[in-house]
Protein backbone atom coordinates (compact mmCIF):
# COMPACT_ATOMS: atom_id res chain seq x y z
CA UNK A 1 -16.85 67.78 26.90
CA UNK A 2 -14.72 69.47 24.23
CA UNK A 3 -11.67 68.24 26.08
CA UNK A 4 -12.92 64.64 25.81
CA UNK A 5 -13.42 65.05 22.06
CA UNK A 6 -9.91 66.46 21.69
CA UNK A 7 -8.58 63.44 23.61
CA UNK A 8 -10.45 61.11 21.28
CA UNK A 9 -9.00 62.75 18.19
CA UNK A 10 -5.54 62.69 19.78
CA UNK A 11 -5.87 58.93 20.40
CA UNK A 12 -6.81 58.47 16.72
CA UNK A 13 -3.73 60.37 15.58
CA UNK A 14 -1.56 58.30 17.93
CA UNK A 15 -2.86 55.09 16.33
CA UNK A 16 -5.62 53.90 18.64
CA UNK A 17 -7.99 51.32 17.05
CA UNK A 18 -10.57 53.07 14.90
CA UNK A 19 -13.57 51.35 16.49
CA UNK A 20 -12.51 52.60 19.94
CA UNK A 21 -12.24 56.16 18.68
CA UNK A 22 -15.63 56.03 16.94
CA UNK A 23 -17.31 54.40 19.94
CA UNK A 24 -15.81 56.97 22.30
CA UNK A 25 -17.06 59.84 20.13
CA UNK A 26 -20.54 58.26 19.98
CA UNK A 27 -20.69 57.93 23.78
CA UNK A 28 -19.42 61.48 24.30
CA UNK A 29 -21.87 62.87 21.72
CA UNK A 30 -24.95 61.15 23.13
CA UNK A 31 -23.94 62.13 26.66
CA UNK A 32 -23.57 65.77 25.59
CA UNK A 33 -27.26 65.90 24.61
CA UNK A 34 -28.47 63.97 27.68
CA UNK A 35 -29.45 60.78 25.84
CA UNK A 36 -29.15 57.51 27.78
CA UNK A 37 -25.90 55.79 26.71
CA UNK A 38 -27.65 52.43 26.42
CA UNK A 39 -28.81 53.61 23.00
CA UNK A 40 -25.26 53.05 21.75
CA UNK A 41 -25.33 49.39 22.75
CA UNK A 42 -28.83 49.02 21.24
CA UNK A 43 -27.65 50.46 17.91
CA UNK A 44 -24.59 48.20 17.92
CA UNK A 45 -26.66 45.07 18.62
CA UNK A 46 -29.14 46.06 15.85
CA UNK A 47 -26.33 45.41 13.37
CA UNK A 48 -26.52 41.68 14.16
CA UNK A 49 -30.05 41.65 12.77
CA UNK A 50 -28.94 42.86 9.32
CA UNK A 51 -29.45 39.93 6.89
CA UNK A 52 -26.98 41.30 4.34
CA UNK A 53 -24.20 41.09 6.92
CA UNK A 54 -24.20 37.30 6.70
CA UNK A 55 -22.53 37.42 3.28
CA UNK A 56 -19.43 39.30 4.56
CA UNK A 57 -17.67 36.57 6.64
CA UNK A 58 -18.49 33.95 4.00
CA UNK A 59 -17.08 35.92 1.08
CA UNK A 60 -14.03 36.89 3.16
CA UNK A 61 -13.33 33.22 4.01
CA UNK A 62 -13.75 32.20 0.38
CA UNK A 63 -11.40 35.00 -0.75
CA UNK A 64 -8.82 34.01 1.87
CA UNK A 65 -8.94 30.39 0.71
CA UNK A 66 -8.33 31.48 -2.88
CA UNK A 67 -5.39 33.71 -1.92
CA UNK A 68 -3.78 30.87 0.08
CA UNK A 69 -4.18 28.37 -2.74
CA UNK A 70 -2.53 28.21 -6.17
CA UNK A 71 -5.60 29.82 -7.73
CA UNK A 72 -3.63 32.99 -8.75
CA UNK A 73 -1.17 30.88 -10.76
CA UNK A 74 -3.96 28.96 -12.51
CA UNK A 75 -5.85 32.15 -13.35
CA UNK A 76 -2.66 33.73 -14.67
CA UNK A 77 -1.84 30.69 -16.80
CA UNK A 78 -5.39 30.59 -18.18
CA UNK A 79 -5.44 34.31 -19.01
CA UNK A 80 -2.03 34.17 -20.66
CA UNK A 81 -3.04 31.34 -23.00
CA UNK A 82 -6.25 33.02 -24.08
CA UNK A 83 -5.06 36.64 -24.12
CA UNK A 84 -1.28 36.32 -24.54
CA UNK A 85 -1.54 36.25 -28.37
CA UNK A 86 -2.76 39.88 -28.39
CA UNK A 87 -0.25 42.72 -28.91
CA UNK A 88 0.76 43.70 -25.41
CA UNK A 89 -0.88 40.47 -24.28
CA UNK A 90 0.98 40.06 -21.01
CA UNK A 91 0.01 43.56 -19.83
CA UNK A 92 -3.62 42.80 -20.72
CA UNK A 93 -3.36 39.50 -18.87
CA UNK A 94 -1.89 41.24 -15.81
CA UNK A 95 -4.73 43.75 -15.61
CA UNK A 96 -7.41 41.08 -16.10
CA UNK A 97 -5.92 38.71 -13.50
CA UNK A 98 -5.49 41.46 -10.90
CA UNK A 99 -9.08 42.62 -11.40
CA UNK A 100 -10.47 39.10 -11.06
CA UNK A 101 -8.36 38.29 -8.01
CA UNK A 102 -9.18 41.54 -6.20
CA UNK A 103 -12.87 41.05 -6.86
CA UNK A 104 -12.81 37.76 -4.93
CA UNK A 105 -10.34 38.69 -2.20
CA UNK A 106 -11.68 42.23 -1.69
CA UNK A 107 -8.24 43.58 -0.78
CA UNK A 108 -5.79 45.18 -3.19
CA UNK A 109 -2.84 44.57 -0.86
CA UNK A 110 -3.40 40.83 -1.14
CA UNK A 111 -3.35 41.09 -4.95
CA UNK A 112 -0.09 43.02 -5.02
CA UNK A 113 1.63 40.54 -2.71
CA UNK A 114 0.10 37.40 -4.28
CA UNK A 115 0.60 38.36 -7.94
CA UNK A 116 3.29 41.03 -7.90
CA UNK A 117 6.12 38.53 -7.50
CA UNK A 118 4.78 36.55 -10.48
CA UNK A 119 3.89 39.41 -12.78
CA UNK A 120 6.78 41.88 -12.42
CA UNK A 121 9.60 39.50 -13.53
CA UNK A 122 7.38 38.19 -16.36
CA UNK A 123 6.59 41.69 -17.66
CA UNK A 124 10.25 42.76 -17.55
CA UNK A 125 11.36 39.53 -19.25
CA UNK A 126 8.72 40.16 -21.94
CA UNK A 127 10.35 43.53 -22.74
CA UNK A 128 8.26 45.94 -20.68
CA UNK A 129 9.97 48.81 -18.93
CA UNK A 130 10.39 48.09 -15.19
CA UNK A 131 8.88 51.41 -14.16
CA UNK A 132 5.87 50.85 -16.40
CA UNK A 133 5.48 47.32 -15.02
CA UNK A 134 5.51 48.49 -11.39
CA UNK A 135 2.99 51.23 -12.17
CA UNK A 136 0.69 48.76 -13.91
CA UNK A 137 0.71 46.26 -11.04
CA UNK A 138 0.36 48.98 -8.35
CA UNK A 139 -2.55 50.63 -10.16
CA UNK A 140 -4.32 47.40 -11.02
CA UNK A 141 -4.13 46.07 -7.46
CA UNK A 142 -7.50 47.63 -6.65
CA UNK A 143 -9.19 47.34 -10.09
CA UNK A 144 -11.58 44.56 -9.13
CA UNK A 145 -13.33 46.47 -6.33
CA UNK A 146 -16.20 47.39 -8.67
CA UNK A 147 -16.83 43.79 -9.71
CA UNK A 148 -18.97 41.28 -7.76
CA UNK A 149 -18.54 39.85 -5.17
CA UNK A 150 -16.36 42.71 -3.99
CA UNK A 151 -16.48 43.19 -0.20
CA UNK A 152 -16.58 47.03 -0.37
CA UNK A 153 -19.73 46.80 -2.53
CA UNK A 154 -21.36 44.66 0.16
CA UNK A 155 -20.28 47.03 2.94
CA UNK A 156 -21.64 50.04 1.04
CA UNK A 157 -24.94 48.13 0.63
CA UNK A 158 -25.11 47.40 4.37
CA UNK A 159 -24.22 50.94 5.41
CA UNK A 160 -26.53 52.67 2.92
CA UNK A 161 -29.29 50.02 3.09
CA UNK A 162 -29.12 49.61 -0.70
CA UNK A 163 -29.80 46.41 -2.60
CA UNK A 164 -26.53 44.56 -3.05
CA UNK A 165 -27.65 42.71 -6.20
CA UNK A 166 -28.29 46.12 -7.84
CA UNK A 167 -24.90 47.36 -6.70
CA UNK A 168 -23.24 44.28 -8.18
CA UNK A 169 -24.83 45.08 -11.54
CA UNK A 170 -24.06 48.78 -11.31
CA UNK A 171 -20.34 48.27 -10.92
CA UNK A 172 -19.84 46.01 -13.97
CA UNK A 173 -19.81 48.58 -16.82
CA UNK A 174 -17.79 51.25 -14.92
CA UNK A 175 -15.29 48.52 -13.94
CA UNK A 176 -15.03 47.31 -17.53
CA UNK A 177 -14.52 50.87 -18.79
CA UNK A 178 -11.67 51.33 -16.35
CA UNK A 179 -10.16 48.01 -17.37
CA UNK A 180 -10.45 48.70 -21.12
CA UNK A 181 -8.82 52.15 -20.85
CA UNK A 182 -5.87 50.76 -18.90
CA UNK A 183 -5.55 47.85 -21.32
CA UNK A 184 -5.54 50.15 -24.32
CA UNK A 185 -2.82 52.31 -22.77
CA UNK A 186 -0.77 49.25 -21.83
CA UNK A 187 -0.92 47.90 -25.39
CA UNK A 188 0.18 51.30 -26.71
CA UNK A 189 3.08 51.61 -24.24
CA UNK A 190 4.15 47.99 -24.52
CA UNK A 191 7.35 46.86 -26.22
CA UNK A 192 7.43 47.68 -29.95
CA UNK A 193 8.68 44.28 -30.90
CA UNK A 194 5.92 41.68 -30.66
CA UNK A 195 6.65 38.91 -28.23
CA UNK A 196 3.04 37.81 -28.17
CA UNK A 197 2.70 34.05 -28.05
CA UNK A 198 0.70 32.22 -30.66
CA UNK A 199 -2.59 30.69 -29.64
CA UNK A 200 -2.30 26.95 -29.07
CA UNK A 201 -5.44 24.87 -29.01
CA UNK A 202 -3.63 22.05 -27.20
CA UNK A 203 -2.35 24.38 -24.47
CA UNK A 204 -5.76 26.03 -24.21
CA UNK A 205 -7.42 22.68 -23.55
CA UNK A 206 -4.75 21.89 -20.94
CA UNK A 207 -5.23 25.11 -18.96
CA UNK A 208 -9.02 24.77 -19.21
CA UNK A 209 -8.76 21.36 -17.60
CA UNK A 210 -6.37 22.74 -14.99
CA UNK A 211 -8.65 25.62 -13.98
CA UNK A 212 -11.91 23.86 -14.77
CA UNK A 213 -13.15 23.89 -11.15
CA UNK A 214 -12.53 27.63 -10.60
CA UNK A 215 -14.02 28.87 -13.86
CA UNK A 216 -17.66 28.47 -12.74
CA UNK A 217 -17.24 30.78 -9.73
CA UNK A 218 -18.46 34.03 -11.36
CA UNK A 219 -21.38 32.16 -12.94
CA UNK A 220 -22.36 30.61 -9.63
CA UNK A 221 -22.51 34.03 -7.99
CA UNK A 222 -24.07 36.14 -10.76
CA UNK A 223 -26.15 33.36 -12.34
CA UNK A 224 -27.47 32.29 -8.93
CA UNK A 225 -28.47 35.80 -7.84
CA UNK A 226 -29.88 37.11 -11.11
CA UNK A 227 -31.34 33.74 -12.10
CA UNK A 228 -33.46 33.96 -8.97
CA UNK A 229 -32.00 30.85 -7.35
CA UNK A 230 -30.71 32.59 -4.21
CA UNK A 231 -30.15 35.99 -2.60
CA UNK A 232 -26.70 37.55 -1.88
CA UNK A 233 -26.25 35.90 1.53
CA UNK A 234 -27.16 32.47 0.10
CA UNK A 235 -24.79 33.06 -2.80
CA UNK A 236 -22.04 33.74 -0.31
CA UNK A 237 -22.74 30.42 1.46
CA UNK A 238 -22.76 28.46 -1.80
CA UNK A 239 -19.56 30.20 -2.97
CA UNK A 240 -17.81 29.50 0.34
CA UNK A 241 -18.75 25.81 0.27
CA UNK A 242 -17.77 25.47 -3.39
CA UNK A 243 -14.33 27.07 -2.88
CA UNK A 244 -13.76 24.96 0.23
CA UNK A 245 -14.48 21.73 -1.66
CA UNK A 246 -12.45 22.75 -4.74
CA UNK A 247 -9.31 24.00 -2.97
CA UNK A 248 -9.21 21.41 -0.14
CA UNK A 249 -10.68 18.22 -1.64
CA UNK A 250 -10.18 18.54 -5.40
CA UNK A 251 -6.98 20.57 -5.97
CA UNK A 252 -5.67 19.83 -2.47
CA UNK A 253 -3.73 23.11 -2.44
CA UNK A 254 -4.77 23.54 1.19
CA UNK A 255 -4.47 20.73 3.70
CA UNK A 256 -7.25 20.24 6.27
CA UNK A 257 -4.99 21.12 9.21
CA UNK A 258 -4.38 24.56 7.71
CA UNK A 259 -8.11 25.41 7.71
CA UNK A 260 -8.25 26.66 11.36
CA UNK A 261 -5.42 29.09 10.66
CA UNK A 262 -7.01 30.39 7.45
CA UNK A 263 -10.41 30.66 9.14
CA UNK A 264 -8.87 32.62 12.04
CA UNK A 265 -7.09 34.90 9.57
CA UNK A 266 -10.29 35.68 7.66
CA UNK A 267 -12.34 36.17 10.82
CA UNK A 268 -9.82 38.67 12.21
CA UNK A 269 -10.47 40.78 9.11
CA UNK A 270 -14.24 40.34 9.48
CA UNK A 271 -14.06 41.15 13.20
CA UNK A 272 -12.27 44.39 12.45
CA UNK A 273 -14.90 45.37 9.90
CA UNK A 274 -17.74 44.32 12.21
CA UNK A 275 -16.69 46.42 15.21
CA UNK A 276 -16.07 49.45 13.02
CA UNK A 277 -19.53 48.98 11.46
CA UNK A 278 -21.17 48.60 14.88
CA UNK A 279 -19.49 51.70 16.30
CA UNK A 280 -20.26 53.66 13.13
CA UNK A 281 -23.97 52.83 13.31
CA UNK A 282 -24.18 54.37 16.76
CA UNK A 283 -22.38 57.52 15.55
CA UNK A 284 -24.53 57.69 12.44
CA UNK A 285 -27.74 57.65 14.49
CA UNK A 286 -26.42 60.51 16.59
CA UNK A 287 -25.72 62.53 13.42
CA UNK A 288 -29.22 61.83 12.09
CA UNK A 289 -30.86 62.59 15.47
CA UNK A 290 -29.08 65.94 15.59
CA UNK A 291 -29.90 66.63 11.90
CA UNK A 292 -26.21 67.13 11.09
CA UNK A 293 -26.53 66.10 7.39
CA UNK A 294 -29.43 68.56 6.94
CA UNK A 295 -27.36 71.35 8.46
CA UNK A 296 -24.41 70.55 6.23
CA UNK A 297 -26.69 70.51 3.18
CA UNK A 298 -28.18 73.88 4.08
CA UNK A 299 -24.69 75.30 4.45
CA UNK A 300 -23.38 73.77 1.18
CA UNK A 301 -26.51 74.68 -0.81
CA UNK A 302 -25.97 78.30 0.15
CA UNK A 303 -22.82 78.27 -1.96
CA UNK A 304 -23.42 75.38 -4.40
CA UNK A 305 -26.73 75.00 -6.21
CA UNK A 306 -25.54 72.73 -8.99
CA UNK A 307 -25.49 68.93 -8.60
CA UNK A 308 -22.50 68.73 -10.97
CA UNK A 309 -20.42 71.19 -8.95
CA UNK A 310 -21.27 69.21 -5.82
CA UNK A 311 -20.12 65.99 -7.54
CA UNK A 312 -16.83 67.63 -8.53
CA UNK A 313 -16.12 68.73 -4.92
CA UNK A 314 -17.27 65.33 -3.66
CA UNK A 315 -14.74 63.58 -5.92
CA UNK A 316 -11.91 65.74 -4.61
CA UNK A 317 -12.96 65.07 -1.03
CA UNK A 318 -13.26 61.31 -1.58
CA UNK A 319 -9.90 61.09 -3.31
CA UNK A 320 -8.31 62.60 -0.23
CA UNK A 321 -10.28 60.25 2.04
CA UNK A 322 -9.27 57.25 -0.11
CA UNK A 323 -5.64 58.16 0.13
CA UNK A 324 -5.76 58.61 3.91
CA UNK A 325 -8.03 55.73 5.06
CA UNK A 326 -8.50 52.09 4.11
CA UNK A 327 -11.65 51.55 2.05
CA UNK A 328 -13.63 49.78 4.80
CA UNK A 329 -13.12 52.57 7.36
CA UNK A 330 -13.80 55.25 4.74
CA UNK A 331 -17.12 53.65 3.76
CA UNK A 332 -18.51 53.30 7.26
CA UNK A 333 -17.35 56.78 8.32
CA UNK A 334 -18.23 58.88 5.29
CA UNK A 335 -21.21 57.21 3.58
CA UNK A 336 -23.75 57.94 6.38
CA UNK A 337 -22.73 61.61 6.37
CA UNK A 338 -22.69 62.14 2.57
CA UNK A 339 -25.63 59.96 1.51
CA UNK A 340 -28.45 62.27 2.77
CA UNK A 341 -26.72 65.30 1.27
CA UNK A 342 -26.25 63.58 -2.11
CA UNK A 343 -29.91 62.48 -2.16
CA UNK A 344 -30.90 66.11 -1.50
CA UNK A 345 -29.03 67.00 -4.70
CA UNK A 346 -30.94 64.30 -6.56
CA UNK A 347 -28.12 61.77 -6.78
CA UNK A 348 -29.21 58.11 -6.83
CA UNK A 349 -27.72 56.08 -3.94
CA UNK A 350 -26.56 53.33 -6.30
CA UNK A 351 -24.78 55.83 -8.59
CA UNK A 352 -23.32 57.44 -5.49
CA UNK A 353 -22.04 54.04 -4.38
CA UNK A 354 -20.14 53.51 -7.62
CA UNK A 355 -18.69 57.04 -7.35
CA UNK A 356 -17.62 56.29 -3.76
CA UNK A 357 -15.96 53.01 -4.63
CA UNK A 358 -14.22 54.42 -7.72
CA UNK A 359 -12.78 57.32 -5.72
CA UNK A 360 -11.63 55.12 -2.86
CA UNK A 361 -10.14 52.65 -5.33
CA UNK A 362 -8.17 55.43 -7.04
CA UNK A 363 -7.20 56.81 -3.63
CA UNK A 364 -5.24 53.60 -2.98
CA UNK A 365 -2.65 54.67 -5.59
CA UNK A 366 -2.87 58.47 -5.11
CA UNK A 367 0.32 60.16 -3.84
CA UNK A 368 1.61 60.91 -1.33
CA UNK A 369 -0.01 58.38 1.05
CA UNK A 370 -1.99 55.91 -1.08
CA UNK A 371 -1.82 52.48 0.54
CA UNK A 372 -0.97 50.58 -2.65
CA UNK A 373 2.10 52.78 -3.16
CA UNK A 374 3.59 51.74 0.17
CA UNK A 375 2.65 48.09 -0.28
CA UNK A 376 4.21 48.00 -3.75
CA UNK A 377 7.30 49.83 -2.48
CA UNK A 378 7.74 47.14 0.17
CA UNK A 379 6.91 44.26 -2.21
CA UNK A 380 9.26 45.34 -5.00
CA UNK A 381 11.90 46.84 -2.65
CA UNK A 382 11.84 50.20 -4.46
CA UNK A 383 11.82 53.79 -3.12
CA UNK A 384 8.31 55.21 -2.66
CA UNK A 385 9.16 58.16 -4.92
CA UNK A 386 9.84 55.74 -7.77
CA UNK A 387 6.38 54.28 -7.28
CA UNK A 388 4.91 57.81 -7.46
CA UNK A 389 6.44 58.29 -10.92
CA UNK A 390 5.46 54.82 -12.06
CA UNK A 391 1.76 55.19 -11.28
CA UNK A 392 1.23 58.75 -12.59
CA UNK A 393 0.15 57.80 -16.18
CA UNK A 394 -2.20 55.11 -14.88
CA UNK A 395 -3.60 57.52 -12.26
CA UNK A 396 -4.35 60.01 -15.01
CA UNK A 397 -6.41 57.37 -16.91
CA UNK A 398 -8.22 56.35 -13.75
CA UNK A 399 -9.18 59.96 -13.11
CA UNK A 400 -10.55 60.25 -16.65
CA UNK A 401 -12.64 57.15 -15.97
CA UNK A 402 -13.87 58.73 -12.70
CA UNK A 403 -15.13 61.80 -14.55
CA UNK A 404 -17.02 59.61 -17.04
CA UNK A 405 -18.53 57.48 -14.28
CA UNK A 406 -19.55 60.57 -12.32
CA UNK A 407 -21.21 62.56 -15.09
CA UNK A 408 -22.70 59.67 -17.12
CA UNK A 409 -24.89 57.91 -14.50
CA UNK A 410 -26.51 55.63 -17.11
CA UNK A 411 -23.28 53.52 -16.97
CA UNK A 412 -24.29 52.53 -13.45
CA UNK A 413 -28.00 52.04 -14.15
CA UNK A 414 -28.36 50.44 -17.62
CA UNK A 415 -27.70 46.84 -16.47
CA UNK A 416 -30.10 47.28 -13.54
CA UNK A 417 -32.83 48.38 -15.97
CA UNK A 418 -32.13 45.31 -18.15
CA UNK A 419 -31.63 42.60 -15.52
CA UNK A 420 -32.72 44.15 -12.20
């Protein structure tokens, strides 16, 4: 039996699909305690009955449509007109646009590839240092993961069985804090001469007309959910239909014959997430059945009796996980194991979710193996070591934000108390 587990881990190291490795470990684990293996299939099929899961493929399709259209250019143009007059305006615009785009696409890699080619030349032309500009884009590629309708928020809600509308609210203030700190630093480090453009009412009206159909998107999602008009899965359906009409019929950025390709592309991503989730649910139930989280808690509590010390060690662990795994795999693998332990220390699941997502977001740009570093290195055709140096100041600010989010839980709860 131990030999089979070693083989499974070896397959994972050699690059076997993650869902196969997790499924194999679940089958081996249940067999080792003489439980009928049909329970694995039952647990996998139970996932299909999860109502919250309906929102995932719809939001993924809407995000893919936006990334394939000219929406990034329109959002950039709009932000530049309304924020470009500020000192360091282009850096502020870059951070805001990356955060908005990542929130809707749910993938930082897409943001770096879609916006990096537009933003880097513009920042350098505006007088920003090239290293600073690369660090800003690389670090901001995952900024929007705390903002609704971020896919990782939805996945955490599904895995932890936590209300997604509360998670959407919980991420707003921590996300804004992160954004404001990076914007402040960017303004300080920007070019000393002021190349900020003056605000033009005529140009503002033009870009408002240009992006008029995409501006209502956040209000449709948040206003619909918190106004009581529909739940998260219904909001996903409305958002998907709205984006489809806007990008295909109104802006006509996407021709109808391209829709099957875009749909297939988005469903490949959803399929990968779905099979990992299904396999993870089977493994999770084995862990719960064998009381593994309780055993881990008993072991940890023998050495750590403070919730704050536990949170410190949890952050270190999650930063490592975030640098090694993509955010979807990390959530489905680690959340079921950590959630019962965190609850035993009195940590609210919603606050824990924001800590999780913040760590995994930062892990994307944490050396030596953060995913954003390699994507940016490829996109900008620069050595990976240069990206390490570029992102260090931004990484430091993100870590400061992580500490604040971790030890001031009211940031994650105040909007829930007001609107939830």
